[in-house]
N, C-alpha and C. Protein backbone atom coordinates (compact mmCIF):
# COMPACT_ATOMS: atom_id res chain seq x y z
N UNK A 1 19.45 11.08 13.42
CA UNK A 1 18.84 11.46 12.03
C UNK A 1 17.12 11.35 12.38
N UNK A 2 16.72 12.93 12.24
CA UNK A 2 15.51 12.77 12.94
C UNK A 2 14.22 12.68 11.90
N UNK A 3 13.10 11.53 12.27
CA UNK A 3 12.12 11.59 11.10
C UNK A 3 10.59 11.88 11.93
N UNK A 4 9.95 12.70 11.43
CA UNK A 4 8.75 13.03 12.07
C UNK A 4 7.26 12.35 11.00
N UNK A 5 6.56 11.23 11.46
CA UNK A 5 5.45 11.01 10.95
C UNK A 5 4.13 11.61 11.53
N UNK A 6 3.72 12.21 10.21
CA UNK A 6 2.52 13.09 10.70
C UNK A 6 1.34 12.43 10.23
N UNK A 7 0.21 12.62 11.57
CA UNK A 7 -1.14 12.18 11.15
C UNK A 7 -1.20 10.57 11.69
N UNK A 8 -0.18 9.95 12.34
CA UNK A 8 -0.04 8.81 12.91
C UNK A 8 -0.41 8.40 14.34
N UNK A 9 -1.70 7.89 14.63
CA UNK A 9 -1.83 7.46 16.14
C UNK A 9 -1.40 6.20 16.24
N UNK A 10 -0.99 5.21 15.12
CA UNK A 10 -0.96 3.76 15.56
C UNK A 10 0.99 3.52 15.97
N UNK A 11 1.69 4.38 15.66
CA UNK A 11 2.78 4.22 15.86
C UNK A 11 3.50 3.30 14.87
N UNK A 12 3.14 2.64 13.90
CA UNK A 12 3.85 1.59 13.04
C UNK A 12 4.95 2.27 12.25
N UNK A 13 4.77 3.25 11.60
CA UNK A 13 5.56 3.84 10.99
C UNK A 13 6.65 4.21 11.64
N UNK A 14 6.45 5.23 12.70
CA UNK A 14 7.33 5.65 13.56
C UNK A 14 7.91 4.60 14.20
N UNK A 15 7.70 3.49 14.76
CA UNK A 15 8.41 2.58 15.42
C UNK A 15 9.32 1.50 14.17
N UNK A 16 8.61 1.59 13.40
CA UNK A 16 9.55 0.72 12.29
C UNK A 16 11.08 1.82 12.16
N UNK A 17 10.76 3.05 12.20
CA UNK A 17 12.19 3.76 11.99
C UNK A 17 12.99 3.47 13.46
N UNK A 18 12.15 3.69 14.40
CA UNK A 18 12.89 3.67 15.66
C UNK A 18 13.85 2.33 16.07
N UNK A 19 12.91 1.18 15.52
CA UNK A 19 13.78 -0.10 15.49
C UNK A 19 15.13 -0.04 14.58
N UNK A 20 15.17 0.89 13.68
CA UNK A 20 16.39 0.91 13.02
C UNK A 20 17.40 1.88 13.49
N UNK A 21 16.85 2.46 14.75
CA UNK A 21 17.80 3.66 15.44
C UNK A 21 17.82 4.94 15.19
N UNK A 22 16.61 5.16 14.36
CA UNK A 22 16.44 6.79 14.18
C UNK A 22 15.68 7.46 15.37
N UNK A 23 15.73 8.66 15.43
CA UNK A 23 14.95 9.13 16.42
C UNK A 23 13.74 10.05 15.66
N UNK A 24 12.77 8.96 15.90
CA UNK A 24 11.38 8.82 15.15
C UNK A 24 10.51 9.40 16.10
N UNK A 25 9.54 10.19 15.60
CA UNK A 25 8.49 10.49 16.29
C UNK A 25 7.11 10.83 15.54
N UNK A 26 5.94 10.49 16.15
CA UNK A 26 4.68 10.48 15.60
C UNK A 26 4.01 11.94 16.02
N UNK A 27 3.15 12.48 15.42
CA UNK A 27 2.37 13.65 15.69
C UNK A 27 0.74 13.38 15.16
N UNK A 28 -0.01 13.38 16.02
CA UNK A 28 -1.57 13.26 15.68
C UNK A 28 -2.42 13.99 16.88
N UNK A 29 -3.65 14.61 16.31
CA UNK A 29 -4.46 15.01 17.31
C UNK A 29 -4.89 13.90 18.58
N UNK A 30 -4.98 12.69 18.09
CA UNK A 30 -5.33 11.52 19.10
C UNK A 30 -4.03 11.14 19.58
N UNK A 31 -4.06 10.44 20.60
CA UNK A 31 -3.31 9.63 21.43
C UNK A 31 -2.52 8.64 20.76
N UNK A 32 -1.38 8.23 21.03
CA UNK A 32 -0.71 6.90 20.24
C UNK A 32 -1.34 5.89 20.83
N UNK A 33 -1.54 4.81 20.00
CA UNK A 33 -1.81 3.70 20.39
C UNK A 33 -0.84 2.44 21.24
N UNK A 34 0.56 3.14 20.81
CA UNK A 34 1.54 2.61 21.46
C UNK A 34 2.39 3.27 22.24
N UNK A 35 2.97 2.89 23.36
CA UNK A 35 3.97 3.95 23.92
C UNK A 35 5.15 4.25 22.83
N UNK A 36 5.71 5.48 22.94
CA UNK A 36 6.63 5.83 21.99
C UNK A 36 6.78 7.05 21.84
N UNK A 37 7.86 7.81 21.29
CA UNK A 37 7.89 9.23 20.92
C UNK A 37 6.74 9.81 20.28
N UNK A 38 5.70 10.34 20.80
CA UNK A 38 4.56 10.72 20.22
C UNK A 38 4.12 12.33 20.85
N UNK A 39 3.64 13.32 19.96
CA UNK A 39 3.30 14.70 20.16
C UNK A 39 1.87 14.38 20.02
N UNK A 40 0.94 14.74 21.04
CA UNK A 40 -0.46 14.65 20.65
C UNK A 40 -0.77 16.34 20.30
N UNK A 41 -1.06 16.77 19.43
CA UNK A 41 -0.82 18.28 19.19
C UNK A 41 -1.66 18.24 17.62
N UNK A 42 -1.97 19.51 17.24
CA UNK A 42 -2.37 19.69 15.70
C UNK A 42 -1.11 19.98 15.28
N UNK A 43 -0.55 19.24 14.04
CA UNK A 43 0.84 19.14 13.31
C UNK A 43 1.00 20.67 13.27
N UNK A 44 0.08 21.73 12.89
CA UNK A 44 0.51 23.09 12.62
C UNK A 44 1.11 23.63 13.41
N UNK A 45 0.72 23.23 14.85
CA UNK A 45 1.57 23.89 16.04
C UNK A 45 3.10 23.55 16.53
N UNK A 46 3.40 22.72 15.89
CA UNK A 46 4.77 22.26 16.16
C UNK A 46 5.88 22.88 15.30
N UNK A 47 7.29 22.63 15.47
CA UNK A 47 7.98 23.43 14.87
C UNK A 47 8.54 22.48 13.49
N UNK A 48 8.44 23.18 12.42
CA UNK A 48 8.48 22.34 11.10
C UNK A 48 10.19 22.30 10.74
N UNK A 49 11.06 23.01 11.52
CA UNK A 49 12.47 22.65 11.49
C UNK A 49 13.21 21.55 12.06
N UNK A 50 14.37 21.36 11.28
CA UNK A 50 15.08 19.93 12.12
C UNK A 50 14.66 18.48 11.79
N UNK A 51 13.48 18.54 11.16
CA UNK A 51 13.33 17.08 10.83
C UNK A 51 13.99 16.56 9.44
N UNK A 52 14.69 15.70 9.49
CA UNK A 52 15.10 15.21 8.19
C UNK A 52 14.68 14.69 7.24
N UNK A 53 13.63 13.55 7.85
CA UNK A 53 12.60 12.86 6.86
C UNK A 53 11.12 13.35 7.56
N UNK A 54 10.45 13.54 6.74
CA UNK A 54 8.99 13.80 7.14
C UNK A 54 7.81 12.99 6.30
N UNK A 55 7.19 11.97 7.07
CA UNK A 55 6.29 11.21 6.16
C UNK A 55 4.69 11.63 6.80
N UNK A 56 3.91 11.89 6.03
CA UNK A 56 2.53 12.40 6.23
C UNK A 56 1.23 11.61 5.69
N UNK A 57 0.58 11.21 6.44
CA UNK A 57 -0.82 10.62 6.28
C UNK A 57 -1.69 11.35 6.60
N UNK A 58 -2.11 12.28 5.79
CA UNK A 58 -3.22 13.28 6.09
C UNK A 58 -4.69 12.20 6.04
N UNK A 59 -5.55 12.47 6.68
CA UNK A 59 -6.87 11.94 6.78
C UNK A 59 -7.27 12.20 5.42
N UNK A 60 -7.89 10.99 4.90
CA UNK A 60 -8.63 10.66 3.37
C UNK A 60 -10.07 10.97 3.28
N UNK A 61 -10.59 11.22 4.62
CA UNK A 61 -12.33 11.22 4.39
C UNK A 61 -12.81 12.07 3.41
N UNK A 62 -12.02 13.11 2.75
CA UNK A 62 -12.77 14.12 2.04
C UNK A 62 -11.84 13.99 0.73
N UNK A 63 -10.77 12.98 0.55
CA UNK A 63 -10.02 12.84 -0.43
C UNK A 63 -9.98 11.78 -1.15
N UNK A 64 -10.34 10.71 -0.50
CA UNK A 64 -10.36 9.31 -1.48
C UNK A 64 -11.50 9.05 -2.42
N UNK A 65 -11.10 8.58 -3.53
CA UNK A 65 -12.17 8.24 -4.52
C UNK A 65 -13.21 7.48 -3.98
N UNK A 66 -13.12 6.72 -3.15
CA UNK A 66 -14.35 5.92 -2.27
C UNK A 66 -15.33 6.49 -1.86
N UNK A 67 -15.13 7.81 -1.59
CA UNK A 67 -16.15 8.65 -1.09
C UNK A 67 -16.72 9.83 -2.12
N UNK A 68 -16.20 9.59 -3.28
CA UNK A 68 -16.40 10.80 -4.19
C UNK A 68 -18.04 10.83 -4.39
N UNK A 69 -18.86 10.14 -4.32
CA UNK A 69 -20.31 10.38 -4.39
C UNK A 69 -20.67 11.45 -3.29
N UNK A 70 -20.07 11.61 -2.39
CA UNK A 70 -20.48 12.71 -1.48
C UNK A 70 -19.68 13.76 -1.48
N UNK A 71 -19.01 13.97 -2.54
CA UNK A 71 -17.57 15.07 -2.73
C UNK A 71 -18.77 16.63 -2.87
N UNK A 72 -19.84 16.33 -3.62
CA UNK A 72 -20.61 17.51 -4.02
C UNK A 72 -21.10 18.29 -3.03
N UNK A 73 -21.50 17.55 -2.01
CA UNK A 73 -21.88 18.44 -0.64
C UNK A 73 -20.89 18.52 0.33
N UNK A 74 -19.97 18.17 0.32
CA UNK A 74 -18.34 18.43 1.23
C UNK A 74 -17.68 19.34 0.39
N UNK A 75 -17.89 20.21 -0.56
CA UNK A 75 -16.80 21.00 -1.11
C UNK A 75 -15.78 21.83 -0.32
N UNK A 76 -16.51 22.44 0.78
CA UNK A 76 -15.83 23.09 1.71
C UNK A 76 -14.66 22.28 2.46
N UNK A 77 -15.40 20.94 2.72
CA UNK A 77 -14.45 20.20 3.83
C UNK A 77 -13.17 19.86 2.76
N UNK A 78 -13.66 19.19 1.63
CA UNK A 78 -12.61 18.94 0.65
C UNK A 78 -11.31 19.92 0.43
N UNK A 79 -11.69 21.19 0.28
CA UNK A 79 -10.97 22.30 -0.10
C UNK A 79 -10.12 22.32 1.16
N UNK A 80 -10.66 22.11 2.12
CA UNK A 80 -9.83 22.33 3.61
C UNK A 80 -9.00 21.47 3.73
N UNK A 81 -9.15 20.17 3.35
CA UNK A 81 -8.32 18.91 3.36
C UNK A 81 -7.43 19.24 2.23
N UNK A 82 -7.77 19.47 0.91
CA UNK A 82 -6.59 19.85 -0.08
C UNK A 82 -5.40 20.97 0.46
N UNK A 83 -5.94 21.89 0.89
CA UNK A 83 -4.91 22.90 1.59
C UNK A 83 -4.26 22.34 2.54
N UNK A 84 -4.62 21.67 3.40
CA UNK A 84 -3.84 21.02 4.37
C UNK A 84 -2.71 19.99 3.57
N UNK A 85 -3.09 19.18 2.51
CA UNK A 85 -2.24 18.50 1.86
C UNK A 85 -1.08 19.41 1.03
N UNK A 86 -1.55 20.30 0.70
CA UNK A 86 -0.58 21.42 -0.08
C UNK A 86 0.27 21.92 1.06
N UNK A 87 -0.21 22.13 2.50
CA UNK A 87 0.69 22.68 3.38
C UNK A 87 1.85 21.59 3.82
N UNK A 88 1.20 20.14 3.78
CA UNK A 88 2.36 19.23 4.04
C UNK A 88 3.50 19.15 3.00
N UNK A 89 2.97 19.37 1.93
CA UNK A 89 3.94 19.16 0.74
C UNK A 89 4.96 20.12 0.79
N UNK A 90 4.09 21.52 1.26
CA UNK A 90 5.42 22.81 1.19
C UNK A 90 6.33 22.58 2.46
N UNK A 91 6.53 21.40 3.45
CA UNK A 91 7.23 21.35 4.32
C UNK A 91 8.55 21.66 4.12
N UNK A 92 9.50 22.50 5.38
CA UNK A 92 10.79 22.89 4.48
C UNK A 92 11.75 21.61 5.17
N UNK A 93 11.63 20.54 4.22
CA UNK A 93 12.69 19.72 4.38
C UNK A 93 13.01 19.01 2.98
N UNK A 94 13.97 18.57 2.78
CA UNK A 94 14.53 17.68 1.84
C UNK A 94 13.90 16.54 1.31
N UNK A 95 13.73 15.71 2.25
CA UNK A 95 12.97 14.30 2.24
C UNK A 95 11.70 14.24 3.04
N UNK A 96 10.84 13.77 1.89
CA UNK A 96 9.25 14.10 2.38
C UNK A 96 8.50 12.77 1.59
N UNK A 97 7.34 12.35 2.21
CA UNK A 97 6.55 11.64 1.41
C UNK A 97 5.19 11.58 2.20
N UNK A 98 4.26 11.77 1.06
CA UNK A 98 2.90 12.02 1.49
C UNK A 98 2.15 10.60 1.16
N UNK A 99 1.13 9.95 1.90
CA UNK A 99 0.39 9.02 1.67
C UNK A 99 -0.93 9.22 1.47
N UNK A 100 -1.53 8.64 0.60
CA UNK A 100 -3.30 8.79 0.61
C UNK A 100 -3.52 7.86 -0.66
N UNK A 101 -5.04 7.35 -0.39
CA UNK A 101 -5.43 6.66 -1.34
C UNK A 101 -5.81 7.46 -2.74
N UNK A 102 -6.23 6.80 -3.70
CA UNK A 102 -6.53 7.30 -5.13
C UNK A 102 -7.71 8.47 -4.87
N UNK A 103 -7.50 9.67 -5.48
CA UNK A 103 -8.58 10.31 -5.13
C UNK A 103 -8.22 11.83 -5.58
N UNK A 104 -8.76 12.63 -4.61
CA UNK A 104 -8.97 14.07 -5.29
C UNK A 104 -7.37 14.85 -5.26
N UNK A 105 -6.37 14.29 -4.64
CA UNK A 105 -5.01 14.90 -4.75
C UNK A 105 -4.67 14.81 -5.95
N UNK A 106 -4.89 13.50 -6.64
CA UNK A 106 -4.17 13.20 -7.96
C UNK A 106 -4.91 14.43 -9.16
N UNK A 107 -5.99 14.35 -8.82
CA UNK A 107 -6.58 15.30 -10.21
C UNK A 107 -6.24 16.72 -9.69
N UNK A 108 -6.49 17.28 -8.25
CA UNK A 108 -6.39 18.55 -8.17
C UNK A 108 -5.16 18.96 -7.62
N UNK A 109 -3.91 18.41 -7.28
CA UNK A 109 -2.76 19.06 -6.83
C UNK A 109 -1.66 18.35 -7.80
N UNK A 110 -1.85 16.97 -7.95
CA UNK A 110 -0.74 16.55 -8.89
C UNK A 110 -0.64 14.93 -8.68
N UNK A 111 -0.36 14.34 -9.83
CA UNK A 111 -0.32 12.67 -9.77
C UNK A 111 0.91 12.09 -8.78
N UNK A 112 0.64 11.26 -8.08
CA UNK A 112 1.08 10.71 -7.11
C UNK A 112 2.59 10.13 -7.91
N UNK A 113 3.67 9.97 -7.59
CA UNK A 113 4.95 9.60 -7.80
C UNK A 113 5.26 7.89 -7.91
N UNK A 114 4.26 7.23 -7.40
CA UNK A 114 4.26 5.86 -7.19
C UNK A 114 2.73 5.69 -6.68
N UNK A 115 2.27 4.40 -7.23
CA UNK A 115 1.29 3.59 -6.54
C UNK A 115 1.57 2.38 -5.78
N UNK A 116 1.54 1.89 -4.55
CA UNK A 116 1.75 0.43 -4.29
C UNK A 116 0.61 -0.18 -3.68
N UNK A 117 0.95 -1.46 -3.44
CA UNK A 117 -0.03 -2.54 -3.12
C UNK A 117 0.19 -3.28 -1.79
N UNK A 118 -0.36 -3.23 -0.80
CA UNK A 118 0.10 -4.25 0.34
C UNK A 118 1.04 -5.47 -0.08
N UNK A 119 0.39 -6.42 -1.15
CA UNK A 119 0.46 -7.69 -1.44
C UNK A 119 2.27 -7.39 -2.14
N UNK A 120 2.67 -6.20 -2.13
CA UNK A 120 4.24 -6.05 -2.94
C UNK A 120 5.03 -6.01 -1.48
N UNK A 121 4.52 -6.10 -0.33
CA UNK A 121 5.12 -5.83 0.85
C UNK A 121 4.59 -6.96 2.08
N UNK A 122 4.39 -8.22 1.35
CA UNK A 122 4.21 -9.35 2.53
C UNK A 122 2.68 -9.43 2.92
N UNK A 123 1.82 -8.81 2.45
CA UNK A 123 0.38 -8.67 2.87
C UNK A 123 -0.51 -9.17 1.94
N UNK A 124 -1.33 -10.41 1.87
CA UNK A 124 -2.02 -10.66 0.81
C UNK A 124 -3.20 -9.71 0.43
N UNK A 125 -3.22 -8.61 0.19
CA UNK A 125 -4.11 -7.92 0.35
C UNK A 125 -4.21 -6.85 -1.07
N UNK A 126 -5.29 -6.24 -1.23
CA UNK A 126 -5.31 -5.02 -2.11
C UNK A 126 -5.52 -3.71 -1.48
N UNK A 127 -4.99 -2.64 -1.58
CA UNK A 127 -5.34 -1.32 -1.20
C UNK A 127 -4.16 -0.43 -1.74
N UNK A 128 -5.00 -0.08 -3.10
CA UNK A 128 -3.86 0.98 -3.94
C UNK A 128 -3.47 2.18 -2.89
N UNK A 129 -2.14 2.68 -2.87
CA UNK A 129 -1.89 3.54 -1.86
C UNK A 129 -1.22 4.31 -2.92
N UNK A 130 -1.29 5.60 -2.92
CA UNK A 130 -0.50 6.72 -3.34
C UNK A 130 0.68 7.16 -2.63
N UNK A 131 1.69 7.59 -3.24
CA UNK A 131 2.81 8.08 -2.66
C UNK A 131 3.42 9.39 -3.46
N UNK A 132 3.41 10.66 -2.88
CA UNK A 132 4.04 11.92 -3.40
C UNK A 132 5.35 12.02 -2.75
N UNK A 133 6.45 12.11 -3.51
CA UNK A 133 7.51 12.24 -2.86
C UNK A 133 8.35 13.27 -2.78
N UNK A 134 9.39 13.87 -2.26
CA UNK A 134 10.20 14.81 -2.40
C UNK A 134 11.42 14.19 -1.85
N UNK A 135 12.49 14.24 -3.09
CA UNK A 135 13.70 13.98 -2.78
C UNK A 135 14.10 12.59 -2.40
N UNK A 136 12.82 11.54 -2.00
CA UNK A 136 13.08 10.17 -1.94
C UNK A 136 12.82 9.14 -3.22
N UNK A 137 13.26 8.11 -3.44
CA UNK A 137 13.36 7.22 -4.33
C UNK A 137 11.98 6.45 -3.88
N UNK A 138 11.55 5.94 -5.10
CA UNK A 138 10.36 5.00 -5.00
C UNK A 138 10.69 3.92 -4.34
N UNK A 139 9.62 3.21 -3.73
CA UNK A 139 9.70 2.00 -2.93
C UNK A 139 9.68 0.91 -3.89
N UNK A 140 10.92 -0.23 -3.19
CA UNK A 140 11.18 -1.42 -4.02
C UNK A 140 10.12 -2.48 -3.43
N UNK A 141 9.55 -3.03 -4.00
CA UNK A 141 8.54 -4.30 -3.59
C UNK A 141 9.73 -5.01 -2.37
N UNK A 142 9.27 -5.45 -1.66
CA UNK A 142 10.19 -6.45 -0.40
C UNK A 142 9.80 -7.89 -0.36
N UNK A 143 8.41 -8.18 -0.58
CA UNK A 143 7.77 -9.63 -0.61
C UNK A 143 6.71 -9.53 -1.27
N UNK A 144 6.75 -10.09 -2.37
CA UNK A 144 5.41 -10.06 -3.40
C UNK A 144 4.64 -11.52 -2.89
N UNK A 145 3.51 -11.23 -2.51
CA UNK A 145 2.62 -12.39 -2.01
C UNK A 145 1.50 -12.63 -2.98
N UNK A 146 0.75 -13.75 -2.86
CA UNK A 146 -0.45 -14.23 -3.29
C UNK A 146 -1.45 -13.70 -2.79
N UNK A 147 -2.69 -14.25 -2.82
CA UNK A 147 -4.06 -13.84 -1.96
C UNK A 147 -4.49 -12.39 -1.89
N UNK A 148 -4.81 -11.80 -2.90
CA UNK A 148 -5.24 -10.53 -3.13
C UNK A 148 -6.74 -10.32 -3.27
N UNK A 149 -7.08 -10.07 -1.81
CA UNK A 149 -8.28 -9.65 -1.43
C UNK A 149 -8.07 -8.19 -0.70
N UNK A 150 -9.57 -7.53 -0.88
CA UNK A 150 -9.63 -6.57 -0.34
C UNK A 150 -10.14 -6.33 1.04
N UNK A 151 -9.62 -6.34 2.19
CA UNK A 151 -10.00 -7.05 3.28
C UNK A 151 -10.39 -5.13 4.08
N UNK A 152 -9.76 -4.54 3.77
CA UNK A 152 -10.08 -2.94 4.42
C UNK A 152 -11.43 -2.71 3.82
N UNK A 153 -11.81 -2.82 2.64
CA UNK A 153 -12.70 -2.60 1.89
C UNK A 153 -13.94 -3.11 2.44
N UNK A 154 -14.14 -4.42 3.10
CA UNK A 154 -15.11 -5.20 3.57
C UNK A 154 -15.15 -5.07 5.17
N UNK A 155 -14.29 -4.23 5.63
CA UNK A 155 -14.13 -3.79 7.14
C UNK A 155 -15.43 -3.58 7.64
N UNK A 156 -16.08 -4.49 8.75
CA UNK A 156 -17.52 -4.61 9.21
C UNK A 156 -17.65 -3.08 9.86
N UNK A 157 -18.91 -2.69 9.84
CA UNK A 157 -19.07 -1.12 10.20
C UNK A 157 -18.67 -1.00 11.69
N UNK A 158 -18.11 -0.26 12.23
CA UNK A 158 -18.01 -0.12 13.62
C UNK A 158 -17.38 1.06 14.05
N UNK A 159 -17.51 1.58 15.41
CA UNK A 159 -17.03 3.06 15.47
C UNK A 159 -15.18 3.14 15.11
N UNK A 160 -14.88 2.00 15.22
CA UNK A 160 -13.39 1.89 15.01
C UNK A 160 -12.83 1.62 13.52
N UNK A 161 -13.66 1.61 12.41
CA UNK A 161 -13.57 1.04 11.08
C UNK A 161 -12.76 2.01 10.62
N UNK A 162 -12.85 3.16 10.66
CA UNK A 162 -11.75 4.31 10.14
C UNK A 162 -10.34 4.10 10.51
N UNK A 163 -10.27 3.72 11.59
CA UNK A 163 -8.84 3.61 12.42
C UNK A 163 -8.51 2.34 11.77
N UNK A 164 -9.08 1.11 11.68
CA UNK A 164 -8.61 -0.08 11.09
C UNK A 164 -8.23 0.31 9.53
N UNK A 165 -8.94 0.96 8.87
CA UNK A 165 -8.78 1.04 7.49
C UNK A 165 -7.59 2.00 7.26
N UNK A 166 -7.05 2.86 8.31
CA UNK A 166 -6.19 3.78 8.03
C UNK A 166 -4.75 3.42 8.34
N UNK A 167 -4.73 2.42 9.09
CA UNK A 167 -3.43 1.78 9.63
C UNK A 167 -2.80 1.25 8.28
N UNK A 168 -1.00 1.80 8.76
CA UNK A 168 -0.35 1.59 7.53
C UNK A 168 0.28 0.02 7.96
N UNK A 169 0.19 -0.66 6.80
CA UNK A 169 0.71 -2.08 6.56
C UNK A 169 2.14 -2.20 7.13
N UNK A 170 2.57 -3.16 8.22
CA UNK A 170 3.83 -3.34 8.72
C UNK A 170 4.69 -3.61 7.73
N UNK A 171 4.54 -4.09 6.54
CA UNK A 171 5.62 -4.48 5.82
C UNK A 171 5.94 -3.23 5.02
N UNK A 172 4.89 -2.10 4.76
CA UNK A 172 5.04 -1.08 4.13
C UNK A 172 5.95 -0.11 5.09
N UNK A 173 5.43 -0.39 6.20
CA UNK A 173 6.23 0.59 7.23
C UNK A 173 7.68 0.42 7.15
N UNK A 174 7.89 -0.99 7.57
CA UNK A 174 9.11 -1.48 7.46
C UNK A 174 10.08 -1.02 5.69
N UNK A 175 9.60 -1.17 4.81
CA UNK A 175 10.23 -0.80 3.76
C UNK A 175 10.69 0.59 3.67
N UNK A 176 9.48 1.54 4.12
CA UNK A 176 9.80 2.75 4.21
C UNK A 176 11.15 3.40 5.19
N UNK A 177 11.08 2.78 6.36
CA UNK A 177 12.19 2.72 7.19
C UNK A 177 13.40 2.30 6.80
N UNK A 178 13.78 1.12 6.09
CA UNK A 178 14.66 0.59 5.61
C UNK A 178 15.37 1.22 4.24
N UNK A 179 14.32 1.40 3.46
CA UNK A 179 14.93 1.89 2.07
C UNK A 179 14.97 3.40 2.10
N UNK A 180 14.15 4.02 2.79
CA UNK A 180 14.28 5.76 2.80
C UNK A 180 15.07 5.93 3.87
N UNK A 181 15.20 5.12 5.26
CA UNK A 181 16.12 5.70 5.86
C UNK A 181 17.73 5.69 5.48
N UNK A 182 17.87 4.30 4.78
CA UNK A 182 19.19 4.43 4.26
C UNK A 182 19.44 5.31 3.42
N UNK A 183 18.61 5.49 2.23
CA UNK A 183 18.84 6.72 1.30
C UNK A 183 19.31 7.74 1.64
N UNK A 184 18.63 8.45 2.75
CA UNK A 184 18.80 9.64 3.44
C UNK A 184 20.31 9.61 4.04
N UNK A 185 20.23 8.54 5.07
CA UNK A 185 21.54 8.44 5.71
C UNK A 185 22.87 8.35 5.10
N UNK A 186 23.00 7.58 3.97
CA UNK A 186 23.93 7.58 2.93
C UNK A 186 24.06 8.65 2.14
N UNK A 187 23.34 9.50 1.99
CA UNK A 187 23.04 10.89 1.31
C UNK A 187 23.71 11.85 2.27
N UNK A 188 23.36 11.97 3.66
CA UNK A 188 24.11 12.83 4.38
C UNK A 188 25.52 12.33 4.68
N UNK A 189 25.53 11.02 5.03
CA UNK A 189 26.98 10.69 5.28
C UNK A 189 27.85 10.78 4.28
N UNK A 190 27.53 10.72 3.07
CA UNK A 190 28.52 11.01 1.56
C UNK A 190 28.33 12.72 1.39
N UNK A 191 27.61 13.49 2.17
CA UNK A 191 27.69 14.61 1.79
C UNK A 191 27.02 15.25 0.86
N UNK A 192 25.86 14.64 0.24
CA UNK A 192 25.20 14.97 -0.89
C UNK A 192 23.85 15.63 -0.79
């Protein structure tokens, strides 16, 4: 079963699927941080056919509510970002997930199917994360923990701040791979 993780340089979600035996690939303009199946390219240039599961992490720079105070000066950039999200959501696959913080997607395209938190998946932190789903079930929390702090919000200014804030938590990546991978595999096996 082929899995494509779009706009992922970290390899975290890709590797979670790979560890379970899936043919998982990441694609991003940036090189991958970890060796593995990675296509360094504009996702719009790769073949959209043949992927069983597509999980998308479009950049949130012009979409997240945390940057709303700058939206009025970035209308063109925000519209480009929303157009990209719609292009991703139109991917010709039966099973797709798109992840982004609370923001413009919710008001300009559609409400998310689910909002999850890292503390539901073994990380004692808060970071409301929206999921827009096509054909996939809601994620079930795997390890609810205490210690609810907003580490990513207080990330020190640096040239890598945006990278550190954008990485998927391993607990969430593992839940995606285990739950969504099994769901699609079972449906394919049973001819559904």
